[in-house]
Protein backbone atom coordinates (compact mmCIF):
# COMPACT_ATOMS: atom_id res chain seq x y z
CA MET A 1 33.98 14.23 -21.35
CA THR A 2 32.06 16.10 -24.24
CA ILE A 3 29.97 14.05 -26.66
CA THR A 4 27.10 14.89 -29.00
CA ALA A 5 23.58 13.42 -28.57
CA SER A 6 24.20 10.99 -31.49
CA GLN A 7 26.97 9.57 -29.51
CA ALA A 8 25.00 8.93 -26.36
CA GLN A 9 24.22 5.61 -25.21
CA PRO A 10 20.86 4.35 -23.42
CA GLY A 11 21.20 5.20 -19.96
CA ASP A 12 23.68 7.91 -20.24
CA ILE A 13 23.18 11.29 -18.36
CA LEU A 14 24.34 14.33 -19.94
CA LEU A 15 24.14 18.02 -19.36
CA ASP A 16 23.56 20.55 -22.12
CA CYS A 17 25.09 24.10 -22.06
CA GLU A 18 21.98 25.72 -20.58
CA GLY A 19 22.10 23.64 -17.45
CA THR A 20 19.37 21.03 -18.34
CA ALA A 21 20.31 17.38 -17.47
CA TRP A 22 19.00 14.65 -20.08
CA GLN A 23 18.79 10.75 -19.87
CA ARG A 24 19.10 8.87 -22.87
CA GLY A 25 16.50 6.13 -23.21
CA THR A 26 16.73 2.83 -25.40
CA GLU A 27 16.06 4.31 -28.86
CA PHE A 28 17.72 7.54 -30.47
CA TYR A 29 14.27 9.57 -29.91
CA ASP A 30 13.91 8.31 -26.19
CA TRP A 31 15.06 11.31 -24.20
CA SER A 32 13.87 12.48 -20.89
CA THR A 33 14.89 15.38 -18.51
CA PHE A 34 14.50 15.32 -14.83
CA THR A 35 11.07 16.98 -15.21
CA GLY A 36 9.82 14.10 -17.36
CA PRO A 37 9.99 12.47 -20.80
CA VAL A 38 10.27 14.62 -23.83
CA ALA A 39 6.82 14.87 -25.54
CA TYR A 40 6.45 15.15 -29.31
CA TYR A 41 3.83 14.57 -32.08
CA GLY A 42 4.74 13.34 -35.55
CA PRO A 43 8.32 12.02 -36.63
CA TRP A 44 11.06 12.76 -34.20
CA GLN A 45 13.31 15.80 -34.89
CA ASP A 46 16.79 16.00 -33.42
CA SER A 47 15.79 19.36 -32.31
CA TYR A 48 13.40 17.77 -29.67
CA GLY A 49 16.14 16.56 -27.76
CA PRO A 50 19.57 18.03 -26.36
CA GLN A 51 21.74 20.37 -28.77
CA GLY A 52 25.24 20.85 -29.45
CA GLU A 53 28.40 19.47 -27.16
CA LEU A 54 27.03 17.64 -24.15
CA THR A 55 29.05 16.94 -20.86
CA LEU A 56 28.75 13.35 -20.02
CA LEU A 57 27.95 12.87 -16.66
CA ALA A 58 27.21 9.50 -16.01
CA ARG A 59 27.50 6.10 -18.08
CA ASP A 60 26.48 2.70 -16.93
CA GLY A 61 25.29 3.76 -13.66
CA ARG A 62 28.88 5.56 -12.72
CA PRO A 63 30.19 8.98 -13.08
CA VAL A 64 32.27 9.79 -15.63
C-alpha cells in the first residue's frame, strides 16, 4: 500500500523511495528512522520527514 507522510498514523512503519525506513510518532512532527529520532530546530518543516510516496510496511504492529 502506498501513502504519503500526511496519511500516516501513529506507529506506522514506512519505506521511502531511497530505502530508508521511518516510523511515525504520536504527533505529525514526530518521526524517527532506525538510526534514531529526527532532530530539528525551530518550527517543523515537512522536508524534515519522509517525502513523496511511501510504502506502508506495518500498521498496528502487523505487516500490511
